[in-house]
Amino acid sequence: MSDELFRNKYRNDTARATWHDYNGGEYFITICTKKREHHFGEIFDGTMQLSALGEYAEQCIKQIPMHNLYAQVPLFVIMPNHIHLIVMIDKNMEEIPVGTCHGASLQMNKKSWRKTMNDKNENMQKIANFQGRLSTMIGGFKQSITRYARQHRIPFAWQTRFYDHIIRNRNEMNRIAKYIENNVAQWEYDELF
């Protein structure tokens, strides 16, 4: 835990790898609901039946590459109380956001985007630059789901952090992909059950 206070509360130190900037690479991501409550649906007879919020989350995941041009999500699974994703971040792709999942595209050109970024609070920009593209993408995704839940008066909250694992090679990628593909069938054995 950090000795620094933010809004009169102690902050938890980052769980991210301090030697990695999260602006490029391949990652296994797990995002959980608060208290592991079942918000995204239920599993019946080995099949995930998505709730309205689960269907919206699926739509948002599929739209991630449209709104975060540097990101690809080749594989994911939505479970009752968590989501697993494989996320690939292209560090060479210029970052120009084009909107959010639930809203219309912003379609900003590079010049207007740079002006907007220069107009932001300098302290907030330093924080945004530090967190890396992965955290920016996950934060935007989580915000979209939370906003949808509030608009539809669905009681919902996320766990404050997300789990990430840097995928280092093809063997790891294959093992993680197999885990994601079998997650629904293995639900009763899952530690998040």
N, C-alpha and C. Protein backbone atom coordinates (compact mmCIF):
# COMPACT_ATOMS: atom_id res chain seq x y z
N MET A 1 0.85 -1.18 0.00
CA MET A 1 0.00 0.00 0.00
C MET A 1 0.89 1.24 0.00
N SER A 2 0.49 2.22 -0.75
CA SER A 2 1.25 3.46 -0.86
C SER A 2 0.98 4.36 0.35
N ASP A 3 1.96 5.20 0.69
CA ASP A 3 1.77 6.17 1.77
C ASP A 3 1.08 7.43 1.27
N GLU A 4 0.86 7.54 -0.05
CA GLU A 4 0.21 8.72 -0.61
C GLU A 4 -1.30 8.62 -0.46
N LEU A 5 -1.92 9.75 -0.19
CA LEU A 5 -3.37 9.80 -0.12
C LEU A 5 -3.93 10.38 -1.40
N PHE A 6 -5.03 9.81 -1.88
CA PHE A 6 -5.78 10.35 -3.01
C PHE A 6 -7.21 10.48 -2.52
N ARG A 7 -7.75 11.70 -2.55
CA ARG A 7 -9.09 11.98 -2.03
C ARG A 7 -9.23 11.45 -0.60
N ASN A 8 -8.20 11.70 0.21
CA ASN A 8 -8.15 11.31 1.62
C ASN A 8 -8.22 9.81 1.86
N LYS A 9 -7.84 9.00 0.88
CA LYS A 9 -7.79 7.55 1.03
C LYS A 9 -6.42 7.07 0.61
N TYR A 10 -5.95 6.01 1.27
CA TYR A 10 -4.70 5.40 0.84
C TYR A 10 -4.93 4.64 -0.45
N ARG A 11 -3.95 4.69 -1.32
CA ARG A 11 -4.04 4.01 -2.60
C ARG A 11 -3.30 2.70 -2.54
N ASN A 12 -3.79 1.70 -3.27
CA ASN A 12 -3.05 0.46 -3.43
C ASN A 12 -2.02 0.66 -4.52
N ASP A 13 -0.83 0.14 -4.30
CA ASP A 13 0.18 0.20 -5.35
C ASP A 13 -0.28 -0.65 -6.53
N THR A 14 0.25 -0.36 -7.68
CA THR A 14 -0.15 -1.06 -8.89
C THR A 14 0.21 -2.54 -8.83
N ALA A 15 -0.63 -3.35 -9.44
CA ALA A 15 -0.35 -4.79 -9.56
C ALA A 15 0.34 -5.08 -10.90
N ARG A 16 0.51 -4.06 -11.72
CA ARG A 16 1.13 -4.23 -13.04
C ARG A 16 2.63 -4.44 -12.91
N ALA A 17 3.21 -5.09 -13.90
CA ALA A 17 4.66 -5.31 -13.94
C ALA A 17 5.35 -3.96 -14.13
N THR A 18 6.22 -3.61 -13.22
CA THR A 18 6.88 -2.30 -13.27
C THR A 18 7.87 -2.20 -14.43
N TRP A 19 8.33 -3.32 -14.96
CA TRP A 19 9.31 -3.33 -16.05
C TRP A 19 8.65 -3.30 -17.42
N HIS A 20 7.31 -3.24 -17.48
CA HIS A 20 6.58 -3.31 -18.75
C HIS A 20 5.66 -2.10 -18.85
N ASP A 21 5.56 -1.47 -20.04
CA ASP A 21 4.73 -0.26 -20.16
C ASP A 21 3.30 -0.51 -20.63
N TYR A 22 2.94 -1.73 -21.00
CA TYR A 22 1.58 -2.09 -21.39
C TYR A 22 1.08 -1.32 -22.62
N ASN A 23 1.99 -0.85 -23.43
CA ASN A 23 1.64 -0.17 -24.67
C ASN A 23 1.79 -1.07 -25.89
N GLY A 24 2.13 -2.31 -25.69
CA GLY A 24 2.26 -3.27 -26.76
C GLY A 24 2.44 -4.66 -26.17
N GLY A 25 1.95 -5.67 -26.87
CA GLY A 25 2.11 -7.04 -26.40
C GLY A 25 0.80 -7.80 -26.45
N GLU A 26 0.85 -9.02 -25.94
CA GLU A 26 -0.31 -9.91 -25.89
C GLU A 26 -0.58 -10.23 -24.43
N TYR A 27 -1.86 -10.20 -24.05
CA TYR A 27 -2.23 -10.32 -22.65
C TYR A 27 -3.43 -11.23 -22.46
N PHE A 28 -3.43 -11.94 -21.34
CA PHE A 28 -4.59 -12.68 -20.86
C PHE A 28 -5.19 -11.83 -19.76
N ILE A 29 -6.43 -11.41 -19.94
CA ILE A 29 -7.10 -10.48 -19.03
C ILE A 29 -8.30 -11.16 -18.38
N THR A 30 -8.48 -10.93 -17.09
CA THR A 30 -9.68 -11.35 -16.38
C THR A 30 -10.23 -10.13 -15.66
N ILE A 31 -11.52 -9.85 -15.89
CA ILE A 31 -12.20 -8.73 -15.25
C ILE A 31 -13.38 -9.32 -14.49
N CYS A 32 -13.47 -9.04 -13.19
CA CYS A 32 -14.52 -9.61 -12.34
C CYS A 32 -15.52 -8.56 -11.90
N THR A 33 -16.73 -9.03 -11.63
CA THR A 33 -17.74 -8.16 -11.04
C THR A 33 -17.46 -8.03 -9.54
N LYS A 34 -17.97 -6.99 -8.95
CA LYS A 34 -17.80 -6.78 -7.50
C LYS A 34 -18.47 -7.92 -6.75
N LYS A 35 -17.76 -8.43 -5.78
CA LYS A 35 -18.23 -9.55 -4.94
C LYS A 35 -18.59 -10.78 -5.78
N ARG A 36 -18.08 -10.82 -6.99
CA ARG A 36 -18.31 -11.94 -7.92
C ARG A 36 -19.80 -12.26 -8.11
N GLU A 37 -20.59 -11.20 -8.12
CA GLU A 37 -22.03 -11.37 -8.33
C GLU A 37 -22.29 -11.70 -9.80
N HIS A 38 -23.31 -12.51 -10.03
CA HIS A 38 -23.67 -12.95 -11.38
C HIS A 38 -24.51 -11.88 -12.07
N HIS A 39 -23.87 -11.12 -12.95
CA HIS A 39 -24.56 -10.05 -13.68
C HIS A 39 -24.66 -10.33 -15.17
N PHE A 40 -23.79 -11.18 -15.69
CA PHE A 40 -23.72 -11.35 -17.15
C PHE A 40 -24.56 -12.52 -17.66
N GLY A 41 -25.21 -13.25 -16.76
CA GLY A 41 -26.04 -14.37 -17.16
C GLY A 41 -25.76 -15.58 -16.29
N GLU A 42 -26.22 -16.74 -16.75
CA GLU A 42 -26.04 -17.99 -16.02
C GLU A 42 -25.70 -19.10 -17.00
N ILE A 43 -25.11 -20.16 -16.47
CA ILE A 43 -24.78 -21.32 -17.29
C ILE A 43 -25.82 -22.40 -17.01
N PHE A 44 -26.48 -22.84 -18.10
CA PHE A 44 -27.46 -23.92 -18.03
C PHE A 44 -27.07 -24.99 -19.02
N ASP A 45 -27.00 -26.24 -18.55
CA ASP A 45 -26.67 -27.38 -19.42
C ASP A 45 -25.41 -27.12 -20.25
N GLY A 46 -24.40 -26.53 -19.63
CA GLY A 46 -23.12 -26.30 -20.30
C GLY A 46 -23.11 -25.19 -21.32
N THR A 47 -24.13 -24.33 -21.30
CA THR A 47 -24.21 -23.21 -22.24
C THR A 47 -24.41 -21.91 -21.47
N MET A 48 -23.64 -20.90 -21.82
CA MET A 48 -23.78 -19.59 -21.18
C MET A 48 -24.98 -18.87 -21.78
N GLN A 49 -25.95 -18.54 -20.93
CA GLN A 49 -27.13 -17.78 -21.32
C GLN A 49 -26.91 -16.35 -20.85
N LEU A 50 -26.62 -15.46 -21.79
CA LEU A 50 -26.29 -14.08 -21.44
C LEU A 50 -27.52 -13.29 -21.02
N SER A 51 -27.34 -12.46 -19.99
CA SER A 51 -28.35 -11.49 -19.60
C SER A 51 -28.26 -10.31 -20.58
N ALA A 52 -29.14 -9.33 -20.41
CA ALA A 52 -29.06 -8.13 -21.26
C ALA A 52 -27.70 -7.45 -21.08
N LEU A 53 -27.20 -7.41 -19.85
CA LEU A 53 -25.89 -6.80 -19.60
C LEU A 53 -24.78 -7.64 -20.23
N GLY A 54 -24.92 -8.96 -20.17
CA GLY A 54 -23.95 -9.84 -20.81
C GLY A 54 -23.93 -9.68 -22.32
N GLU A 55 -25.10 -9.52 -22.92
CA GLU A 55 -25.18 -9.29 -24.36
C GLU A 55 -24.53 -7.96 -24.74
N TYR A 56 -24.74 -6.95 -23.90
CA TYR A 56 -24.12 -5.65 -24.16
C TYR A 56 -22.60 -5.75 -24.04
N ALA A 57 -22.13 -6.48 -23.02
CA ALA A 57 -20.69 -6.68 -22.84
C ALA A 57 -20.09 -7.37 -24.07
N GLU A 58 -20.78 -8.36 -24.59
CA GLU A 58 -20.30 -9.06 -25.80
C GLU A 58 -20.21 -8.10 -26.98
N GLN A 59 -21.22 -7.27 -27.15
CA GLN A 59 -21.21 -6.27 -28.22
C GLN A 59 -20.02 -5.32 -28.06
N CYS A 60 -19.78 -4.86 -26.83
CA CYS A 60 -18.67 -3.94 -26.58
C CYS A 60 -17.32 -4.59 -26.86
N ILE A 61 -17.16 -5.85 -26.48
CA ILE A 61 -15.91 -6.56 -26.73
C ILE A 61 -15.64 -6.63 -28.22
N LYS A 62 -16.67 -6.96 -28.98
CA LYS A 62 -16.52 -7.07 -30.43
C LYS A 62 -16.18 -5.72 -31.07
N GLN A 63 -16.55 -4.62 -30.42
CA GLN A 63 -16.29 -3.29 -30.95
C GLN A 63 -14.97 -2.67 -30.47
N ILE A 64 -14.26 -3.36 -29.56
CA ILE A 64 -13.01 -2.81 -29.04
C ILE A 64 -12.06 -2.37 -30.15
N PRO A 65 -11.82 -3.19 -31.20
CA PRO A 65 -10.88 -2.76 -32.25
C PRO A 65 -11.34 -1.52 -33.03
N MET A 66 -12.64 -1.27 -33.05
CA MET A 66 -13.15 -0.08 -33.75
C MET A 66 -12.88 1.19 -32.93
N HIS A 67 -12.87 1.06 -31.62
CA HIS A 67 -12.73 2.21 -30.74
C HIS A 67 -11.32 2.38 -30.17
N ASN A 68 -10.54 1.32 -30.25
CA ASN A 68 -9.13 1.34 -29.82
C ASN A 68 -8.36 0.72 -30.97
N LEU A 69 -7.99 1.53 -31.94
CA LEU A 69 -7.41 1.02 -33.19
C LEU A 69 -6.18 0.15 -32.97
N TYR A 70 -5.51 0.32 -31.86
CA TYR A 70 -4.30 -0.41 -31.54
C TYR A 70 -4.58 -1.79 -30.92
N ALA A 71 -5.84 -2.13 -30.66
CA ALA A 71 -6.18 -3.35 -29.92
C ALA A 71 -6.96 -4.35 -30.76
N GLN A 72 -6.67 -5.62 -30.53
CA GLN A 72 -7.43 -6.73 -31.11
C GLN A 72 -7.81 -7.68 -29.98
N VAL A 73 -9.00 -8.28 -30.07
CA VAL A 73 -9.44 -9.27 -29.10
C VAL A 73 -9.81 -10.52 -29.88
N PRO A 74 -8.83 -11.41 -30.13
CA PRO A 74 -9.11 -12.59 -30.94
C PRO A 74 -9.94 -13.66 -30.25
N LEU A 75 -9.98 -13.63 -28.91
CA LEU A 75 -10.72 -14.67 -28.19
C LEU A 75 -11.18 -14.12 -26.85
N PHE A 76 -12.41 -14.46 -26.47
CA PHE A 76 -12.94 -14.03 -25.17
C PHE A 76 -14.05 -14.98 -24.75
N VAL A 77 -14.38 -14.94 -23.48
CA VAL A 77 -15.54 -15.65 -22.97
C VAL A 77 -16.15 -14.80 -21.86
N ILE A 78 -17.47 -14.72 -21.88
CA ILE A 78 -18.21 -14.02 -20.83
C ILE A 78 -18.81 -15.07 -19.93
N MET A 79 -18.48 -14.99 -18.66
CA MET A 79 -18.98 -15.92 -17.66
C MET A 79 -19.97 -15.17 -16.77
N PRO A 80 -20.68 -15.87 -15.87
CA PRO A 80 -21.68 -15.17 -15.05
C PRO A 80 -21.14 -13.97 -14.27
N ASN A 81 -19.90 -14.08 -13.76
CA ASN A 81 -19.37 -13.01 -12.90
C ASN A 81 -17.99 -12.51 -13.30
N HIS A 82 -17.52 -12.91 -14.46
CA HIS A 82 -16.22 -12.42 -14.93
C HIS A 82 -16.11 -12.59 -16.44
N ILE A 83 -15.10 -11.94 -16.99
CA ILE A 83 -14.84 -12.00 -18.43
C ILE A 83 -13.36 -12.29 -18.62
N HIS A 84 -13.06 -13.25 -19.50
CA HIS A 84 -11.68 -13.52 -19.90
C HIS A 84 -11.49 -13.02 -21.32
N LEU A 85 -10.37 -12.39 -21.58
CA LEU A 85 -10.04 -11.91 -22.93
C LEU A 85 -8.57 -12.18 -23.23
N ILE A 86 -8.28 -12.44 -24.48
CA ILE A 86 -6.92 -12.31 -24.97
C ILE A 86 -6.90 -11.00 -25.73
N VAL A 87 -5.99 -10.12 -25.33
CA VAL A 87 -5.90 -8.79 -25.93
C VAL A 87 -4.51 -8.63 -26.55
N MET A 88 -4.49 -8.18 -27.79
CA MET A 88 -3.23 -7.90 -28.48
C MET A 88 -3.16 -6.40 -28.72
N ILE A 89 -2.09 -5.77 -28.21
CA ILE A 89 -1.89 -4.33 -28.35
C ILE A 89 -0.74 -4.10 -29.32
N ASP A 90 -1.02 -3.35 -30.39
CA ASP A 90 0.01 -3.02 -31.38
C ASP A 90 0.67 -1.71 -30.98
N LYS A 91 1.91 -1.80 -30.51
CA LYS A 91 2.59 -0.59 -30.04
C LYS A 91 2.94 0.37 -31.18
N ASN A 92 2.90 -0.09 -32.42
CA ASN A 92 3.25 0.76 -33.56
C ASN A 92 2.06 1.51 -34.13
N MET A 93 0.84 1.17 -33.71
CA MET A 93 -0.37 1.82 -34.21
C MET A 93 -0.55 3.15 -33.50
N GLU A 94 -0.77 4.22 -34.27
CA GLU A 94 -1.01 5.54 -33.65
C GLU A 94 -2.35 5.51 -32.94
N GLU A 95 -2.38 6.10 -31.77
CA GLU A 95 -3.58 6.08 -30.94
C GLU A 95 -4.47 7.27 -31.25
N ILE A 96 -5.60 7.00 -31.92
CA ILE A 96 -6.59 8.02 -32.20
C ILE A 96 -7.95 7.43 -31.84
N PRO A 97 -8.49 7.73 -30.66
CA PRO A 97 -9.76 7.14 -30.28
C PRO A 97 -10.88 7.60 -31.21
N VAL A 98 -11.81 6.70 -31.46
CA VAL A 98 -12.91 7.03 -32.37
C VAL A 98 -14.27 6.86 -31.71
N GLY A 99 -14.36 6.85 -30.41
CA GLY A 99 -15.66 6.79 -29.76
C GLY A 99 -15.70 5.76 -28.65
N THR A 100 -16.90 5.52 -28.15
CA THR A 100 -17.10 4.52 -27.11
C THR A 100 -18.13 3.53 -27.58
N CYS A 101 -18.26 2.46 -26.87
CA CYS A 101 -19.16 1.38 -27.29
C CYS A 101 -20.60 1.86 -27.44
N HIS A 102 -21.08 2.61 -26.48
CA HIS A 102 -22.50 2.96 -26.51
C HIS A 102 -22.78 4.27 -27.25
N GLY A 103 -21.76 4.99 -27.64
CA GLY A 103 -21.98 6.29 -28.26
C GLY A 103 -21.61 6.31 -29.73
N ALA A 104 -21.83 7.43 -30.36
CA ALA A 104 -21.49 7.59 -31.77
C ALA A 104 -19.99 7.83 -31.91
N SER A 105 -19.46 7.56 -33.06
CA SER A 105 -18.03 7.76 -33.31
C SER A 105 -17.68 9.24 -33.25
N LEU A 106 -16.50 9.52 -32.70
CA LEU A 106 -16.03 10.90 -32.64
C LEU A 106 -15.35 11.29 -33.94
N GLN A 107 -14.66 10.35 -34.57
CA GLN A 107 -13.98 10.55 -35.84
C GLN A 107 -13.16 11.84 -35.86
N MET A 108 -12.19 11.90 -34.98
CA MET A 108 -11.33 13.07 -34.90
C MET A 108 -10.11 12.87 -35.80
N ASN A 109 -9.68 13.94 -36.42
CA ASN A 109 -8.43 13.83 -37.17
C ASN A 109 -7.26 14.04 -36.22
N LYS A 110 -6.03 13.73 -36.69
CA LYS A 110 -4.86 13.79 -35.82
C LYS A 110 -4.66 15.18 -35.23
N LYS A 111 -4.87 16.22 -36.04
CA LYS A 111 -4.63 17.59 -35.57
C LYS A 111 -5.59 17.96 -34.44
N SER A 112 -6.90 17.69 -34.61
CA SER A 112 -7.86 18.05 -33.57
C SER A 112 -7.67 17.19 -32.33
N TRP A 113 -7.24 15.92 -32.53
CA TRP A 113 -6.98 15.05 -31.38
C TRP A 113 -5.81 15.59 -30.56
N ARG A 114 -4.74 15.99 -31.23
CA ARG A 114 -3.58 16.54 -30.51
C ARG A 114 -3.96 17.81 -29.75
N LYS A 115 -4.78 18.69 -30.36
CA LYS A 115 -5.22 19.90 -29.68
C LYS A 115 -6.03 19.55 -28.43
N THR A 116 -6.93 18.59 -28.55
CA THR A 116 -7.73 18.15 -27.40
C THR A 116 -6.83 17.63 -26.29
N MET A 117 -5.85 16.81 -26.66
CA MET A 117 -4.93 16.25 -25.67
C MET A 117 -4.11 17.35 -25.00
N ASN A 118 -3.70 18.37 -25.77
CA ASN A 118 -2.91 19.45 -25.20
C ASN A 118 -3.74 20.31 -24.25
N ASP A 119 -5.05 20.35 -24.46
CA ASP A 119 -5.93 21.14 -23.61
C ASP A 119 -6.25 20.46 -22.28
N LYS A 120 -5.94 19.17 -22.15
CA LYS A 120 -6.27 18.44 -20.92
C LYS A 120 -5.38 18.88 -19.77
N ASN A 121 -5.87 18.63 -18.59
CA ASN A 121 -5.10 18.89 -17.38
C ASN A 121 -3.79 18.11 -17.44
N GLU A 122 -2.68 18.80 -17.21
CA GLU A 122 -1.35 18.19 -17.35
C GLU A 122 -1.16 17.01 -16.40
N ASN A 123 -1.63 17.11 -15.18
CA ASN A 123 -1.50 16.00 -14.23
C ASN A 123 -2.25 14.77 -14.69
N MET A 124 -3.47 14.94 -15.16
CA MET A 124 -4.26 13.81 -15.63
C MET A 124 -3.61 13.17 -16.85
N GLN A 125 -2.99 13.96 -17.70
CA GLN A 125 -2.32 13.41 -18.87
C GLN A 125 -1.13 12.54 -18.46
N LYS A 126 -0.40 12.97 -17.43
CA LYS A 126 0.72 12.16 -16.95
C LYS A 126 0.23 10.80 -16.45
N ILE A 127 -0.88 10.79 -15.74
CA ILE A 127 -1.46 9.54 -15.24
C ILE A 127 -1.88 8.67 -16.42
N ALA A 128 -2.56 9.25 -17.40
CA ALA A 128 -3.01 8.49 -18.57
C ALA A 128 -1.84 7.90 -19.34
N ASN A 129 -0.77 8.66 -19.49
CA ASN A 129 0.40 8.14 -20.20
C ASN A 129 1.05 7.00 -19.43
N PHE A 130 1.04 7.06 -18.11
CA PHE A 130 1.68 6.04 -17.29
C PHE A 130 0.93 4.71 -17.35
N GLN A 131 -0.39 4.76 -17.43
CA GLN A 131 -1.16 3.52 -17.31
C GLN A 131 -1.05 2.62 -18.53
N GLY A 132 -0.71 3.13 -19.67
CA GLY A 132 -0.53 2.29 -20.85
C GLY A 132 -1.84 2.05 -21.59
N ARG A 133 -1.70 1.62 -22.82
CA ARG A 133 -2.86 1.40 -23.69
C ARG A 133 -3.78 0.31 -23.17
N LEU A 134 -3.21 -0.73 -22.57
CA LEU A 134 -4.05 -1.81 -22.07
C LEU A 134 -5.02 -1.30 -21.02
N SER A 135 -4.53 -0.58 -20.03
CA SER A 135 -5.41 -0.05 -18.98
C SER A 135 -6.41 0.95 -19.53
N THR A 136 -5.99 1.75 -20.49
CA THR A 136 -6.91 2.70 -21.13
C THR A 136 -8.06 1.96 -21.80
N MET A 137 -7.73 0.90 -22.54
CA MET A 137 -8.74 0.11 -23.23
C MET A 137 -9.69 -0.56 -22.25
N ILE A 138 -9.14 -1.22 -21.22
CA ILE A 138 -9.98 -1.91 -20.23
C ILE A 138 -10.84 -0.90 -19.48
N GLY A 139 -10.26 0.24 -19.11
CA GLY A 139 -11.03 1.28 -18.42
C GLY A 139 -12.21 1.77 -19.24
N GLY A 140 -11.99 1.99 -20.54
CA GLY A 140 -13.08 2.41 -21.41
C GLY A 140 -14.17 1.36 -21.53
N PHE A 141 -13.76 0.10 -21.63
CA PHE A 141 -14.71 -1.01 -21.71
C PHE A 141 -15.55 -1.07 -20.43
N LYS A 142 -14.88 -1.02 -19.27
CA LYS A 142 -15.60 -1.10 -18.00
C LYS A 142 -16.56 0.09 -17.84
N GLN A 143 -16.12 1.28 -18.27
CA GLN A 143 -17.00 2.46 -18.19
C GLN A 143 -18.25 2.28 -19.03
N SER A 144 -18.09 1.73 -20.22
CA SER A 144 -19.25 1.53 -21.10
C SER A 144 -20.27 0.60 -20.48
N ILE A 145 -19.80 -0.50 -19.87
CA ILE A 145 -20.73 -1.45 -19.24
C ILE A 145 -21.41 -0.80 -18.05
N THR A 146 -20.65 -0.08 -17.24
CA THR A 146 -21.22 0.59 -16.07
C THR A 146 -22.26 1.62 -16.49
N ARG A 147 -21.96 2.40 -17.52
CA ARG A 147 -22.89 3.41 -18.01
C ARG A 147 -24.19 2.76 -18.50
N TYR A 148 -24.06 1.67 -19.25
CA TYR A 148 -25.24 0.95 -19.74
C TYR A 148 -26.09 0.45 -18.57
N ALA A 149 -25.43 -0.13 -17.56
CA ALA A 149 -26.16 -0.63 -16.39
C ALA A 149 -26.92 0.50 -15.69
N ARG A 150 -26.27 1.64 -15.52
CA ARG A 150 -26.94 2.77 -14.86
C ARG A 150 -28.12 3.29 -15.69
N GLN A 151 -27.92 3.39 -17.00
CA GLN A 151 -28.99 3.88 -17.87
C GLN A 151 -30.21 2.96 -17.84
N HIS A 152 -29.96 1.66 -17.63
CA HIS A 152 -31.05 0.69 -17.61
C HIS A 152 -31.43 0.25 -16.20
N ARG A 153 -30.93 1.02 -15.22
CA ARG A 153 -31.24 0.77 -13.80
C ARG A 153 -30.96 -0.67 -13.38
N ILE A 154 -29.84 -1.18 -13.85
CA ILE A 154 -29.38 -2.52 -13.47
C ILE A 154 -28.37 -2.35 -12.35
N PRO A 155 -28.62 -2.92 -11.17
CA PRO A 155 -27.62 -2.81 -10.10
C PRO A 155 -26.35 -3.56 -10.53
N PHE A 156 -25.23 -2.86 -10.56
CA PHE A 156 -24.01 -3.46 -11.09
C PHE A 156 -22.80 -2.71 -10.60
N ALA A 157 -21.70 -3.44 -10.38
CA ALA A 157 -20.41 -2.82 -10.07
C ALA A 157 -19.29 -3.80 -10.44
N TRP A 158 -18.15 -3.23 -10.81
CA TRP A 158 -16.95 -4.02 -11.13
C TRP A 158 -16.07 -4.16 -9.90
N GLN A 159 -15.29 -5.20 -9.85
CA GLN A 159 -14.15 -5.25 -8.94
C GLN A 159 -13.21 -4.12 -9.38
N THR A 160 -12.52 -3.49 -8.48
CA THR A 160 -11.78 -2.28 -8.83
C THR A 160 -10.63 -2.51 -9.79
N ARG A 161 -9.98 -3.64 -9.75
CA ARG A 161 -8.85 -3.89 -10.64
C ARG A 161 -9.19 -4.97 -11.64
N PHE A 162 -8.23 -5.26 -12.50
CA PHE A 162 -8.35 -6.42 -13.38
C PHE A 162 -7.05 -7.19 -13.34
N TYR A 163 -7.14 -8.47 -13.65
CA TYR A 163 -5.96 -9.32 -13.65
C TYR A 163 -5.39 -9.35 -15.06
N ASP A 164 -4.07 -9.21 -15.17
CA ASP A 164 -3.44 -9.36 -16.47
C ASP A 164 -2.26 -10.31 -16.36
N HIS A 165 -2.03 -11.03 -17.43
CA HIS A 165 -0.86 -11.90 -17.56
C HIS A 165 -0.25 -11.60 -18.92
N ILE A 166 1.02 -11.23 -18.95
CA ILE A 166 1.71 -10.98 -20.21
C ILE A 166 2.00 -12.33 -20.86
N ILE A 167 1.47 -12.53 -22.06
CA ILE A 167 1.69 -13.79 -22.78
C ILE A 167 3.04 -13.71 -23.47
N ARG A 168 3.92 -14.64 -23.11
CA ARG A 168 5.31 -14.56 -23.55
C ARG A 168 5.64 -15.38 -24.79
N ASN A 169 4.83 -16.41 -25.10
CA ASN A 169 5.16 -17.26 -26.25
C ASN A 169 3.92 -17.99 -26.76
N ARG A 170 4.07 -18.71 -27.86
CA ARG A 170 2.94 -19.42 -28.49
C ARG A 170 2.39 -20.53 -27.61
N ASN A 171 3.26 -21.23 -26.86
CA ASN A 171 2.77 -22.29 -25.97
C ASN A 171 1.83 -21.72 -24.92
N GLU A 172 2.21 -20.59 -24.32
CA GLU A 172 1.32 -19.93 -23.35
C GLU A 172 0.02 -19.51 -24.02
N MET A 173 0.13 -18.93 -25.22
CA MET A 173 -1.07 -18.48 -25.94
C MET A 173 -2.01 -19.66 -26.18
N ASN A 174 -1.48 -20.79 -26.62
CA ASN A 174 -2.31 -21.97 -26.89
C ASN A 174 -2.96 -22.51 -25.62
N ARG A 175 -2.21 -22.55 -24.52
CA ARG A 175 -2.74 -23.03 -23.24
C ARG A 175 -3.88 -22.11 -22.76
N ILE A 176 -3.68 -20.80 -22.85
CA ILE A 176 -4.69 -19.84 -22.41
C ILE A 176 -5.92 -19.90 -23.33
N ALA A 177 -5.71 -20.02 -24.62
CA ALA A 177 -6.83 -20.12 -25.56
C ALA A 177 -7.68 -21.35 -25.24
N LYS A 178 -7.03 -22.46 -24.95
CA LYS A 178 -7.76 -23.69 -24.61
C LYS A 178 -8.56 -23.49 -23.32
N TYR A 179 -7.95 -22.82 -22.33
CA TYR A 179 -8.65 -22.52 -21.08
C TYR A 179 -9.90 -21.68 -21.34
N ILE A 180 -9.77 -20.63 -22.15
CA ILE A 180 -10.91 -19.76 -22.46
C ILE A 180 -12.00 -20.55 -23.18
N GLU A 181 -11.61 -21.34 -24.16
CA GLU A 181 -12.58 -22.11 -24.94
C GLU A 181 -13.34 -23.12 -24.09
N ASN A 182 -12.71 -23.63 -23.03
CA ASN A 182 -13.35 -24.65 -22.17
C ASN A 182 -13.93 -24.08 -20.89
N ASN A 183 -13.89 -22.76 -20.72
CA ASN A 183 -14.28 -22.14 -19.46
C ASN A 183 -15.72 -22.41 -19.08
N VAL A 184 -16.64 -22.32 -20.02
CA VAL A 184 -18.05 -22.56 -19.72
C VAL A 184 -18.26 -24.01 -19.29
N ALA A 185 -17.67 -24.95 -20.01
CA ALA A 185 -17.82 -26.37 -19.69
C ALA A 185 -17.22 -26.72 -18.34
N GLN A 186 -16.20 -25.97 -17.91
CA GLN A 186 -15.51 -26.24 -16.65
C GLN A 186 -15.99 -25.34 -15.50
N TRP A 187 -17.12 -24.67 -15.68
CA TRP A 187 -17.59 -23.67 -14.73
C TRP A 187 -17.64 -24.17 -13.29
N GLU A 188 -18.17 -25.34 -13.06
CA GLU A 188 -18.33 -25.81 -11.68
C GLU A 188 -16.99 -26.04 -10.98
N TYR A 189 -15.92 -26.13 -11.74
CA TYR A 189 -14.57 -26.31 -11.17
C TYR A 189 -13.80 -24.99 -11.10
N ASP A 190 -14.38 -23.91 -11.61
CA ASP A 190 -13.70 -22.61 -11.70
C ASP A 190 -13.59 -21.99 -10.30
N GLU A 191 -12.43 -21.40 -10.02
CA GLU A 191 -12.23 -20.74 -8.73
C GLU A 191 -13.15 -19.54 -8.53
N LEU A 192 -13.69 -18.98 -9.62
CA LEU A 192 -14.61 -17.83 -9.54
C LEU A 192 -16.07 -18.25 -9.48
N PHE A 193 -16.34 -19.57 -9.40
CA PHE A 193 -17.70 -20.12 -9.41
C PHE A 193 -18.47 -19.60 -8.20
